[in-house]
PDB file of N, CA and C in Angstrom:
ATOM      1  N   ASP A   1      45.853  85.491 188.249  1.00  0.00           N
ATOM      2  CA  ASP A   1      45.120  86.001 187.070  1.00  0.00           C
ATOM      3  C   ASP A   1      45.828  87.215 186.474  1.00  0.00           C
ATOM      4  N   ILE A   2      46.372  88.073 187.301  1.00  0.00           N
ATOM      5  CA  ILE A   2      47.086  89.260 186.823  1.00  0.00           C
ATOM      6  C   ILE A   2      48.344  88.840 186.056  1.00  0.00           C
ATOM      7  N   THR A   3      49.050  87.833 186.543  1.00  0.00           N
ATOM      8  CA  THR A   3      50.259  87.335 185.884  1.00  0.00           C
ATOM      9  C   THR A   3      49.923  86.823 184.491  1.00  0.00           C
ATOM     10  N   ASN A   4      48.854  86.076 184.414  1.00  0.00           N
ATOM     11  CA  ASN A   4      48.390  85.534 183.138  1.00  0.00           C
ATOM     12  C   ASN A   4      48.071  86.671 182.152  1.00  0.00           C
ATOM     13  N   HIS A   5      47.442  87.692 182.640  1.00  0.00           N
ATOM     14  CA  HIS A   5      47.084  88.846 181.808  1.00  0.00           C
ATOM     15  C   HIS A   5      48.337  89.563 181.321  1.00  0.00           C
ATOM     16  N   ASN A   6      49.303  89.743 182.175  1.00  0.00           N
ATOM     17  CA  ASN A   6      50.568  90.381 181.798  1.00  0.00           C
ATOM     18  C   ASN A   6      51.300  89.581 180.735  1.00  0.00           C
ATOM     19  N   THR A   7      51.268  88.258 180.862  1.00  0.00           N
ATOM     20  CA  THR A   7      51.921  87.391 179.889  1.00  0.00           C
ATOM     21  C   THR A   7      51.266  87.564 178.522  1.00  0.00           C
ATOM     22  N   THR A   8      49.954  87.609 178.520  1.00  0.00           N
ATOM     23  CA  THR A   8      49.214  87.781 177.273  1.00  0.00           C
ATOM     24  C   THR A   8      49.567  89.132 176.639  1.00  0.00           C
ATOM     25  N   ASN A   9      49.647  90.188 177.452  1.00  0.00           N
ATOM     26  CA  ASN A   9      50.039  91.508 176.924  1.00  0.00           C
ATOM     27  C   ASN A   9      51.445  91.470 176.345  1.00  0.00           C
ATOM     28  N   LYS A  10      52.357  90.771 177.059  1.00  0.00           N
ATOM     29  CA  LYS A  10      53.733  90.685 176.570  1.00  0.00           C
ATOM     30  C   LYS A  10      53.765  89.919 175.246  1.00  0.00           C
ATOM     31  N   GLU A  11      53.014  88.842 175.163  1.00  0.00           N
ATOM     32  CA  GLU A  11      52.951  88.074 173.902  1.00  0.00           C
ATOM     33  C   GLU A  11      52.380  88.941 172.778  1.00  0.00           C
ATOM     34  N   ASN A  12      51.350  89.690 173.112  1.00  0.00           N
ATOM     35  CA  ASN A  12      50.755  90.587 172.106  1.00  0.00           C
ATOM     36  C   ASN A  12      51.767  91.641 171.664  1.00  0.00           C
ATOM     37  N   ASP A  13      52.486  92.211 172.640  1.00  0.00           N
ATOM     38  CA  ASP A  13      53.502  93.221 172.309  1.00  0.00           C
ATOM     39  C   ASP A  13      54.581  92.619 171.422  1.00  0.00           C
ATOM     40  N   ASP A  14      55.025  91.403 171.771  1.00  0.00           N
ATOM     41  CA  ASP A  14      56.065  90.733 170.966  1.00  0.00           C
ATOM     42  C   ASP A  14      55.562  90.486 169.541  1.00  0.00           C
ATOM     43  N   GLU A  15      54.333  90.019 169.465  1.00  0.00           N
ATOM     44  CA  GLU A  15      53.733  89.748 168.146  1.00  0.00           C
ATOM     45  C   GLU A  15      53.657  91.040 167.321  1.00  0.00           C
ATOM     46  N   LEU A  16      53.172  92.123 167.989  1.00  0.00           N
ATOM     47  CA  LEU A  16      53.085  93.414 167.287  1.00  0.00           C
ATOM     48  C   LEU A  16      54.477  93.913 166.890  1.00  0.00           C
ATOM     49  N   TYR A  17      55.444  93.733 167.780  1.00  0.00           N
ATOM     50  CA  TYR A  17      56.819  94.154 167.474  1.00  0.00           C
ATOM     51  C   TYR A  17      57.353  93.383 166.257  1.00  0.00           C
ATOM     52  N   ASN A  18      57.106  92.070 166.259  1.00  0.00           N
ATOM     53  CA  ASN A  18      57.558  91.238 165.124  1.00  0.00           C
ATOM     54  C   ASN A  18      56.883  91.678 163.820  1.00  0.00           C
ATOM     55  N   GLN A  19      55.592  91.960 163.908  1.00  0.00           N
ATOM     56  CA  GLN A  19      54.870  92.434 162.720  1.00  0.00           C
ATOM     57  C   GLN A  19      55.461  93.764 162.242  1.00  0.00           C
ATOM     58  N   LEU A  20      55.782  94.643 163.213  1.00  0.00           N
ATOM     59  CA  LEU A  20      56.367  95.939 162.864  1.00  0.00           C
ATOM     60  C   LEU A  20      57.719  95.740 162.173  1.00  0.00           C
ATOM     61  N   GLU A  21      58.538  94.844 162.689  1.00  0.00           N
ATOM     62  CA  GLU A  21      59.847  94.568 162.075  1.00  0.00           C
ATOM     63  C   GLU A  21      59.672  94.003 160.661  1.00  0.00           C
ATOM     64  N   ASP A  22      58.699  93.093 160.506  1.00  0.00           N
ATOM     65  CA  ASP A  22      58.405  92.537 159.169  1.00  0.00           C
ATOM     66  C   ASP A  22      57.996  93.648 158.205  1.00  0.00           C
ATOM     67  N   LEU A  23      57.141  94.551 158.689  1.00  0.00           N
ATOM     68  CA  LEU A  23      56.685  95.661 157.838  1.00  0.00           C
ATOM     69  C   LEU A  23      57.858  96.575 157.468  1.00  0.00           C
ATOM     70  N   LYS A  24      58.777  96.805 158.422  1.00  0.00           N
ATOM     71  CA  LYS A  24      59.963  97.626 158.130  1.00  0.00           C
ATOM     72  C   LYS A  24      60.795  96.978 157.020  1.00  0.00           C
ATOM     73  N   ILE A  25      60.968  95.657 157.108  1.00  0.00           N
ATOM     74  CA  ILE A  25      61.736  94.921 156.084  1.00  0.00           C
ATOM     75  C   ILE A  25      61.030  95.016 154.734  1.00  0.00           C
ATOM     76  N   GLN A  26      59.694  94.808 154.742  1.00  0.00           N
ATOM     77  CA  GLN A  26      58.919  94.911 153.493  1.00  0.00           C
ATOM     78  C   GLN A  26      59.031  96.305 152.894  1.00  0.00           C
ATOM     79  N   LEU A  27      58.962  97.334 153.764  1.00  0.00           N
ATOM     80  CA  LEU A  27      59.064  98.710 153.298  1.00  0.00           C
ATOM     81  C   LEU A  27      60.434  98.965 152.681  1.00  0.00           C
ATOM     82  N   LYS A  28      61.485  98.450 153.330  1.00  0.00           N
ATOM     83  CA  LYS A  28      62.844  98.627 152.810  1.00  0.00           C
ATOM     84  C   LYS A  28      62.979  97.940 151.443  1.00  0.00           C
ATOM     85  N   ASP A  29      62.458  96.693 151.364  1.00  0.00           N
ATOM     86  CA  ASP A  29      62.498  95.954 150.084  1.00  0.00           C
ATOM     87  C   ASP A  29      61.731  96.709 148.996  1.00  0.00           C
ATOM     88  N   GLN A  30      60.546  97.202 149.368  1.00  0.00           N
ATOM     89  CA  GLN A  30      59.710  97.925 148.403  1.00  0.00           C
ATOM     90  C   GLN A  30      60.407  99.205 147.954  1.00  0.00           C
ATOM     91  N   THR A  31      61.069  99.899 148.885  1.00  0.00           N
ATOM     92  CA  THR A  31      61.799 101.132 148.554  1.00  0.00           C
ATOM     93  C   THR A  31      62.935 100.815 147.578  1.00  0.00           C
ATOM     94  N   ASN A  32      63.660  99.717 147.858  1.00  0.00           N
ATOM     95  CA  ASN A  32      64.739  99.313 146.946  1.00  0.00           C
ATOM     96  C   ASN A  32      64.192  98.995 145.557  1.00  0.00           C
ATOM     97  N   GLU A  33      63.079  98.272 145.523  1.00  0.00           N
ATOM     98  CA  GLU A  33      62.459  97.917 144.235  1.00  0.00           C
ATOM     99  C   GLU A  33      62.006  99.182 143.501  1.00  0.00           C
ATOM    100  N   ASN A  34      61.408 100.126 144.251  1.00  0.00           N
ATOM    101  CA  ASN A  34      60.975 101.389 143.645  1.00  0.00           C
ATOM    102  C   ASN A  34      62.165 102.154 143.066  1.00  0.00           C
ATOM    103  N   ASN A  35      63.270 102.160 143.803  1.00  0.00           N
ATOM    104  CA  ASN A  35      64.463 102.855 143.301  1.00  0.00           C
ATOM    105  C   ASN A  35      64.998 102.204 142.032  1.00  0.00           C
ATOM    106  N   LEU A  36      64.959 100.871 141.991  1.00  0.00           N
ATOM    107  CA  LEU A  36      65.373 100.164 140.769  1.00  0.00           C
ATOM    108  C   LEU A  36      64.459 100.540 139.597  1.00  0.00           C
ATOM    109  N   LEU A  37      63.151 100.551 139.877  1.00  0.00           N
ATOM    110  CA  LEU A  37      62.185 100.908 138.830  1.00  0.00           C
ATOM    111  C   LEU A  37      62.384 102.346 138.363  1.00  0.00           C
ATOM    112  N   LYS A  38      62.665 103.251 139.314  1.00  0.00           N
ATOM    113  CA  LYS A  38      62.928 104.650 138.944  1.00  0.00           C
ATOM    114  C   LYS A  38      64.138 104.724 138.022  1.00  0.00           C
ATOM    115  N   GLY A  39      65.186 103.950 138.368  1.00  0.00           N
ATOM    116  CA  GLY A  39      66.395 103.921 137.529  1.00  0.00           C
ATOM    117  C   GLY A  39      66.075 103.417 136.131  1.00  0.00           C
ATOM    118  N   GLN A  40      65.307 102.337 136.053  1.00  0.00           N
ATOM    119  CA  GLN A  40      64.924 101.785 134.741  1.00  0.00           C
ATOM    120  C   GLN A  40      64.081 102.784 133.966  1.00  0.00           C
ATOM    121  N   PHE A  41      63.165 103.450 134.681  1.00  0.00           N
ATOM    122  CA  PHE A  41      62.288 104.431 134.038  1.00  0.00           C
ATOM    123  C   PHE A  41      63.125 105.584 133.476  1.00  0.00           C
ATOM    124  N   ASN A  42      64.093 106.066 134.271  1.00  0.00           N
ATOM    125  CA  ASN A  42      64.948 107.161 133.802  1.00  0.00           C
ATOM    126  C   ASN A  42      65.775 106.737 132.593  1.00  0.00           C
ATOM    127  N   LYS A  43      66.236 105.469 132.579  1.00  0.00           N
ATOM    128  CA  LYS A  43      66.970 104.960 131.412  1.00  0.00           C
ATOM    129  C   LYS A  43      66.064 104.966 130.181  1.00  0.00           C
ATOM    130  N   LEU A  44      64.804 104.546 130.367  1.00  0.00           N
ATOM    131  CA  LEU A  44      63.854 104.526 129.249  1.00  0.00           C
ATOM    132  C   LEU A  44      63.593 105.940 128.730  1.00  0.00           C
ATOM    133  N   ILE A  45      63.467 106.909 129.649  1.00  0.00           N
ATOM    134  CA  ILE A  45      63.246 108.299 129.229  1.00  0.00           C
ATOM    135  C   ILE A  45      64.448 108.781 128.409  1.00  0.00           C
ATOM    136  N   THR A  46      65.657 108.460 128.893  1.00  0.00           N
ATOM    137  CA  THR A  46      66.874 108.865 128.171  1.00  0.00           C
ATOM    138  C   THR A  46      66.908 108.214 126.789  1.00  0.00           C
ATOM    139  N   GLN A  47      66.604 106.906 126.735  1.00  0.00           N
ATOM    140  CA  GLN A  47      66.569 106.205 125.438  1.00  0.00           C
ATOM    141  C   GLN A  47      65.546 106.836 124.508  1.00  0.00           C
ATOM    142  N   ASN A  48      64.393 107.178 125.069  1.00  0.00           N
ATOM    143  CA  ASN A  48      63.320 107.784 124.272  1.00  0.00           C
ATOM    144  C   ASN A  48      63.792 109.114 123.688  1.00  0.00           C
ATOM    145  N   LYS A  49      64.461 109.932 124.520  1.00  0.00           N
ATOM    146  CA  LYS A  49      64.968 111.212 124.032  1.00  0.00           C
ATOM    147  C   LYS A  49      65.978 110.993 122.912  1.00  0.00           C
ATOM    148  N   LYS A  50      66.867 110.000 123.099  1.00  0.00           N
ATOM    149  CA  LYS A  50      67.865 109.689 122.061  1.00  0.00           C
ATOM    150  C   LYS A  50      67.170 109.261 120.769  1.00  0.00           C
ATOM    151  N   GLN A  51      66.113 108.451 120.910  1.00  0.00           N
ATOM    152  CA  GLN A  51      65.367 108.008 119.727  1.00  0.00           C
ATOM    153  C   GLN A  51      64.703 109.185 119.034  1.00  0.00           C
ATOM    154  N   GLU A  52      64.141 110.112 119.821  1.00  0.00           N
ATOM    155  CA  GLU A  52      63.499 111.292 119.224  1.00  0.00           C
ATOM    156  C   GLU A  52      64.524 112.115 118.450  1.00  0.00           C
ATOM    157  N   ILE A  53      65.717 112.281 119.025  1.00  0.00           N
ATOM    158  CA  ILE A  53      66.784 113.030 118.346  1.00  0.00           C
ATOM    159  C   ILE A  53      67.182 112.305 117.064  1.00  0.00           C
ATOM    160  N   ALA A  54      67.315 110.968 117.154  1.00  0.00           N
ATOM    161  CA  ALA A  54      67.678 110.176 115.971  1.00  0.00           C
ATOM    162  C   ALA A  54      66.610 110.315 114.884  1.00  0.00           C
ATOM    163  N   ILE A  55      65.338 110.274 115.286  1.00  0.00           N
ATOM    164  CA  ILE A  55      64.239 110.411 114.314  1.00  0.00           C
ATOM    165  C   ILE A  55      64.300 111.793 113.657  1.00  0.00           C
ATOM    166  N   GLU A  56      64.577 112.830 114.464  1.00  0.00           N
ATOM    167  CA  GLU A  56      64.711 114.179 113.904  1.00  0.00           C
ATOM    168  C   GLU A  56      65.821 114.217 112.860  1.00  0.00           C
ATOM    169  N   LYS A  57      66.968 113.620 113.197  1.00  0.00           N
ATOM    170  CA  LYS A  57      68.109 113.598 112.264  1.00  0.00           C
ATOM    171  C   LYS A  57      67.748 112.841 110.998  1.00  0.00           C
ATOM    172  N   ILE A  58      67.063 111.702 111.156  1.00  0.00           N
ATOM    173  CA  ILE A  58      66.649 110.903 109.993  1.00  0.00           C
ATOM    174  C   ILE A  58      65.715 111.729 109.105  1.00  0.00           C
ATOM    175  N   ASN A  59      64.766 112.436 109.736  1.00  0.00           N
ATOM    176  CA  ASN A  59      63.829 113.259 108.956  1.00  0.00           C
ATOM    177  C   ASN A  59      64.574 114.361 108.196  1.00  0.00           C
ATOM    178  N   LYS A  60      65.554 114.994 108.863  1.00  0.00           N
ATOM    179  CA  LYS A  60      66.336 116.041 108.191  1.00  0.00           C
ATOM    180  C   LYS A  60      67.106 115.454 107.018  1.00  0.00           C
ATOM    181  N   LEU A  61      67.742 114.288 107.263  1.00  0.00           N
ATOM    182  CA  LEU A  61      68.497 113.635 106.186  1.00  0.00           C
ATOM    183  C   LEU A  61      67.582 113.255 105.027  1.00  0.00           C
ATOM    184  N   THR A  62      66.413 112.732 105.369  1.00  0.00           N
ATOM    185  CA  THR A  62      65.454 112.348 104.333  1.00  0.00           C
ATOM    186  C   THR A  62      65.052 113.569 103.510  1.00  0.00           C
ATOM    187  N   THR A  63      64.807 114.680 104.190  1.00  0.00           N
ATOM    188  CA  THR A  63      64.458 115.925 103.501  1.00  0.00           C
ATOM    189  C   THR A  63      65.609 116.363 102.607  1.00  0.00           C
ATOM    190  N   ASN A  64      66.837 116.323 103.151  1.00  0.00           N
ATOM    191  CA  ASN A  64      68.009 116.720 102.361  1.00  0.00           C
ATOM    192  C   ASN A  64      68.188 115.831 101.142  1.00  0.00           C
ATOM    193  N   ILE A  65      68.010 114.513 101.350  1.00  0.00           N
ATOM    194  CA  ILE A  65      68.145 113.571 100.224  1.00  0.00           C
ATOM    195  C   ILE A  65      67.096 113.886  99.171  1.00  0.00           C
ATOM    196  N   SER A  66      65.874 114.134  99.625  1.00  0.00           N
ATOM    197  CA  SER A  66      64.792 114.464  98.698  1.00  0.00           C
ATOM    198  C   SER A  66      65.126 115.732  97.915  1.00  0.00           C
ATOM    199  N   LEU A  67      65.617 116.752  98.640  1.00  0.00           N
ATOM    200  CA  LEU A  67      65.997 118.002  97.968  1.00  0.00           C
ATOM    201  C   LEU A  67      67.131 117.759  96.978  1.00  0.00           C
ATOM    202  N   ASN A  68      68.118 116.952  97.405  1.00  0.00           N
ATOM    203  CA  ASN A  68      69.242 116.638  96.515  1.00  0.00           C
ATOM    204  C   ASN A  68      68.754 115.921  95.267  1.00  0.00           C
ATOM    205  N   ASN A  69      67.827 114.981  95.450  1.00  0.00           N
ATOM    206  CA  ASN A  69      67.286 114.250  94.296  1.00  0.00           C
ATOM    207  C   ASN A  69      66.552 115.201  93.357  1.00  0.00           C
ATOM    208  N   THR A  70      65.783 116.119  93.943  1.00  0.00           N
ATOM    209  CA  THR A  70      65.064 117.104  93.132  1.00  0.00           C
ATOM    210  C   THR A  70      66.055 117.975  92.374  1.00  0.00           C
ATOM    211  N   THR A  71      67.091 118.417  93.088  1.00  0.00           N
ATOM    212  CA  THR A  71      68.120 119.256  92.452  1.00  0.00           C
ATOM    213  C   THR A  71      68.816 118.497  91.334  1.00  0.00           C
ATOM    214  N   THR A  72      69.208 117.253  91.624  1.00  0.00           N
ATOM    215  CA  THR A  72      69.876 116.428  90.607  1.00  0.00           C
ATOM    216  C   THR A  72      68.964 116.243  89.410  1.00  0.00           C
ATOM    217  N   SER A  73      67.695 115.955  89.683  1.00  0.00           N
ATOM    218  CA  SER A  73      66.726 115.777  88.607  1.00  0.00           C
ATOM    219  C   SER A  73      66.614 117.063  87.782  1.00  0.00           C
ATOM    220  N   SER A  74      66.565 118.206  88.458  1.00  0.00           N
ATOM    221  CA  SER A  74      66.468 119.487  87.756  1.00  0.00           C
ATOM    222  C   SER A  74      67.719 119.739  86.917  1.00  0.00           C
ATOM    223  N   ILE A  75      68.877 119.433  87.496  1.00  0.00           N
ATOM    224  CA  ILE A  75      70.135 119.623  86.760  1.00  0.00           C
ATOM    225  C   ILE A  75      70.152 118.734  85.519  1.00  0.00           C
ATOM    226  N   ASP A  76      69.757 117.461  85.710  1.00  0.00           N
ATOM    227  CA  ASP A  76      69.719 116.539  84.570  1.00  0.00           C
ATOM    228  C   ASP A  76      68.758 117.045  83.502  1.00  0.00           C
ATOM    229  N   GLU A  77      67.605 117.524  83.929  1.00  0.00           N
ATOM    230  CA  GLU A  77      66.622 118.052  82.984  1.00  0.00           C
ATOM    231  C   GLU A  77      67.206 119.260  82.247  1.00  0.00           C
ATOM    232  N   PHE A  78      67.881 120.126  83.001  1.00  0.00           N
ATOM    233  CA  PHE A  78      68.491 121.310  82.406  1.00  0.00           C
ATOM    234  C   PHE A  78      69.553 120.902  81.379  1.00  0.00           C
ATOM    235  N   LYS A  79      70.381 119.913  81.781  1.00  0.00           N
ATOM    236  CA  LYS A  79      71.416 119.420  80.847  1.00  0.00           C
ATOM    237  C   LYS A  79      70.756 118.870  79.586  1.00  0.00           C
ATOM    238  N   SER A  80      69.686 118.129  79.781  1.00  0.00           N
ATOM    239  CA  SER A  80      68.976 117.532  78.661  1.00  0.00           C
ATOM    240  C   SER A  80      68.436 118.625  77.735  1.00  0.00           C
ATOM    241  N   ILE A  81      67.835 119.646  78.325  1.00  0.00           N
ATOM    242  CA  ILE A  81      67.282 120.750  77.526  1.00  0.00           C
ATOM    243  C   ILE A  81      68.403 121.461  76.785  1.00  0.00           C
ATOM    244  N   THR A  82      69.486 121.774  77.504  1.00  0.00           N
ATOM    245  CA  THR A  82      70.575 122.520  76.847  1.00  0.00           C
ATOM    246  C   THR A  82      71.236 121.676  75.770  1.00  0.00           C
ATOM    247  N   SER A  83      71.348 120.365  75.996  1.00  0.00           N
ATOM    248  CA  SER A  83      71.959 119.542  74.945  1.00  0.00           C
ATOM    249  C   SER A  83      71.026 119.455  73.732  1.00  0.00           C
ATOM    250  N   ARG A  84      69.703 119.397  73.963  1.00  0.00           N
ATOM    251  CA  ARG A  84      68.752 119.405  72.833  1.00  0.00           C
ATOM    252  C   ARG A  84      68.868 120.723  72.070  1.00  0.00           C
ATOM    253  N   GLU A  85      68.985 121.828  72.840  1.00  0.00           N
ATOM    254  CA  GLU A  85      69.118 123.134  72.189  1.00  0.00           C
ATOM    255  C   GLU A  85      70.406 123.184  71.364  1.00  0.00           C
ATOM    256  N   ASN A  86      71.469 122.590  71.931  1.00  0.00           N
ATOM    257  CA  ASN A  86      72.729 122.555  71.182  1.00  0.00           C
ATOM    258  C   ASN A  86      72.583 121.775  69.885  1.00  0.00           C
ATOM    259  N   VAL A  87      71.929 120.624  69.996  1.00  0.00           N
ATOM    260  CA  VAL A  87      71.724 119.801  68.798  1.00  0.00           C
ATOM    261  C   VAL A  87      70.888 120.573  67.780  1.00  0.00           C
ATOM    262  N   LEU A  88      69.809 121.199  68.262  1.00  0.00           N
ATOM    263  CA  LEU A  88      68.938 121.952  67.359  1.00  0.00           C
ATOM    264  C   LEU A  88      69.689 123.126  66.716  1.00  0.00           C
ATOM    265  N   SER A  89      70.493 123.817  67.521  1.00  0.00           N
ATOM    266  CA  SER A  89      71.208 124.964  66.942  1.00  0.00           C
ATOM    267  C   SER A  89      72.254 124.473  65.933  1.00  0.00           C
ATOM    268  N   LYS A  90      72.874 123.325  66.209  1.00  0.00           N
ATOM    269  CA  LYS A  90      73.825 122.764  65.237  1.00  0.00           C
ATOM    270  C   LYS A  90      73.086 122.352  63.963  1.00  0.00           C
ATOM    271  N   TYR A  91      71.904 121.758  64.151  1.00  0.00           N
ATOM    272  CA  TYR A  91      71.090 121.361  63.011  1.00  0.00           C
ATOM    273  C   TYR A  91      70.729 122.596  62.170  1.00  0.00           C
ATOM    274  N   ASP A  92      70.301 123.662  62.884  1.00  0.00           N
ATOM    275  CA  ASP A  92      69.970 124.908  62.194  1.00  0.00           C
ATOM    276  C   ASP A  92      71.176 125.437  61.426  1.00  0.00           C
ATOM    277  N   LEU A  93      72.347 125.375  62.039  1.00  0.00           N
ATOM    278  CA  LEU A  93      73.572 125.868  61.397  1.00  0.00           C
ATOM    279  C   LEU A  93      73.874 125.077  60.123  1.00  0.00           C
ATOM    280  N   ILE A  94      73.762 123.740  60.247  1.00  0.00           N
ATOM    281  CA  ILE A  94      74.010 122.888  59.072  1.00  0.00           C
ATOM    282  C   ILE A  94      72.978 123.185  57.990  1.00  0.00           C
ATOM    283  N   GLU A  95      71.706 123.331  58.423  1.00  0.00           N
ATOM    284  CA  GLU A  95      70.648 123.625  57.461  1.00  0.00           C
ATOM    285  C   GLU A  95      70.937 124.953  56.739  1.00  0.00           C
ATOM    286  N   ASP A  96      71.394 125.942  57.494  1.00  0.00           N
ATOM    287  CA  ASP A  96      71.764 127.233  56.894  1.00  0.00           C
ATOM    288  C   ASP A  96      72.894 127.064  55.886  1.00  0.00           C
ATOM    289  N   GLN A  97      73.858 126.243  56.244  1.00  0.00           N
ATOM    290  CA  GLN A  97      74.999 126.030  55.332  1.00  0.00           C
ATOM    291  C   GLN A  97      74.545 125.347  54.044  1.00  0.00           C
ATOM    292  N   ILE A  98      73.629 124.384  54.213  1.00  0.00           N
ATOM    293  CA  ILE A  98      73.101 123.688  53.014  1.00  0.00           C
ATOM    294  C   ILE A  98      72.353 124.682  52.140  1.00  0.00           C
ATOM    295  N   MET A  99      71.518 125.520  52.770  1.00  0.00           N
ATOM    296  CA  MET A  99      70.765 126.526  51.999  1.00  0.00           C
ATOM    297  C   MET A  99      71.728 127.457  51.263  1.00  0.00           C
ATOM    298  N   ASP A 100      72.759 127.894  51.981  1.00  0.00           N
ATOM    299  CA  ASP A 100      73.752 128.782  51.364  1.00  0.00           C
ATOM    300  C   ASP A 100      74.399 128.095  50.168  1.00  0.00           C
ATOM    301  N   LYS A 101      74.755 126.843  50.334  1.00  0.00           N
ATOM    302  CA  LYS A 101      75.404 126.088  49.256  1.00  0.00           C
ATOM    303  C   LYS A 101      74.451 125.973  48.065  1.00  0.00           C
ATOM    304  N   GLU A 102      73.184 125.663  48.353  1.00  0.00           N
ATOM    305  CA  GLU A 102      72.207 125.536  47.266  1.00  0.00           C
ATOM    306  C   GLU A 102      72.043 126.872  46.556  1.00  0.00           C
ATOM    307  N   LEU A 103      71.993 127.938  47.311  1.00  0.00           N
ATOM    308  CA  LEU A 103      71.879 129.276  46.704  1.00  0.00           C
ATOM    309  C   LEU A 103      73.089 129.566  45.821  1.00  0.00           C
ATOM    310  N   LEU A 104      74.255 129.206  46.349  1.00  0.00           N
ATOM    311  CA  LEU A 104      75.485 129.428  45.566  1.00  0.00           C
ATOM    312  C   LEU A 104      75.453 128.615  44.274  1.00  0.00           C
ATOM    313  N   ASP A 105      74.986 127.386  44.380  1.00  0.00           N
ATOM    314  CA  ASP A 105      74.887 126.513  43.212  1.00  0.00           C
ATOM    315  C   ASP A 105      73.941 127.117  42.177  1.00  0.00           C
ATOM    316  N   ILE A 106      72.825 127.662  42.673  1.00  0.00           N
ATOM    317  CA  ILE A 106      71.846 128.271  41.760  1.00  0.00           C
ATOM    318  C   ILE A 106      72.474 129.479  41.081  1.00  0.00           C
ATOM    319  N   VAL A 107      73.173 130.252  41.852  1.00  0.00           N
ATOM    320  CA  VAL A 107      73.808 131.472  41.313  1.00  0.00           C
ATOM    321  C   VAL A 107      74.871 131.063  40.284  1.00  0.00           C
ATOM    322  N   ASP A 108      75.606 129.978  40.583  1.00  0.00           N
ATOM    323  CA  ASP A 108      76.664 129.529  39.687  1.00  0.00           C
ATOM    324  C   ASP A 108      76.090 129.041  38.365  1.00  0.00           C
ATOM    325  N   GLU A 109      74.926 128.523  38.372  1.00  0.00           N
ATOM    326  CA  GLU A 109      74.336 127.984  37.134  1.00  0.00           C
ATOM    327  C   GLU A 109      73.998 129.134  36.263  1.00  0.00           C
TER     328      GLU A 109
END
């Protein structure tokens, strides 16, 4: 009876040992998988940071383009105003010359 009991204990020990070895393998596999996931996660964080930097640059460029468009629009408006003023001043000059000529004609008569 004692021999039988010892055999059962040995079988139990072997079974527990095998289970322990299986758990060690599972733990090693899980650790490897976790390390892979950590690597992927770190890559995603790096990509995210790069995207944030790119978005910042895009926003700055968009702001600069908007400012440039406003400036260009203002310059065009200024050119338009100054060219109208030039036309008006030329018109005034011609009108003055016509008046002078008419006055001279009246005086000549």
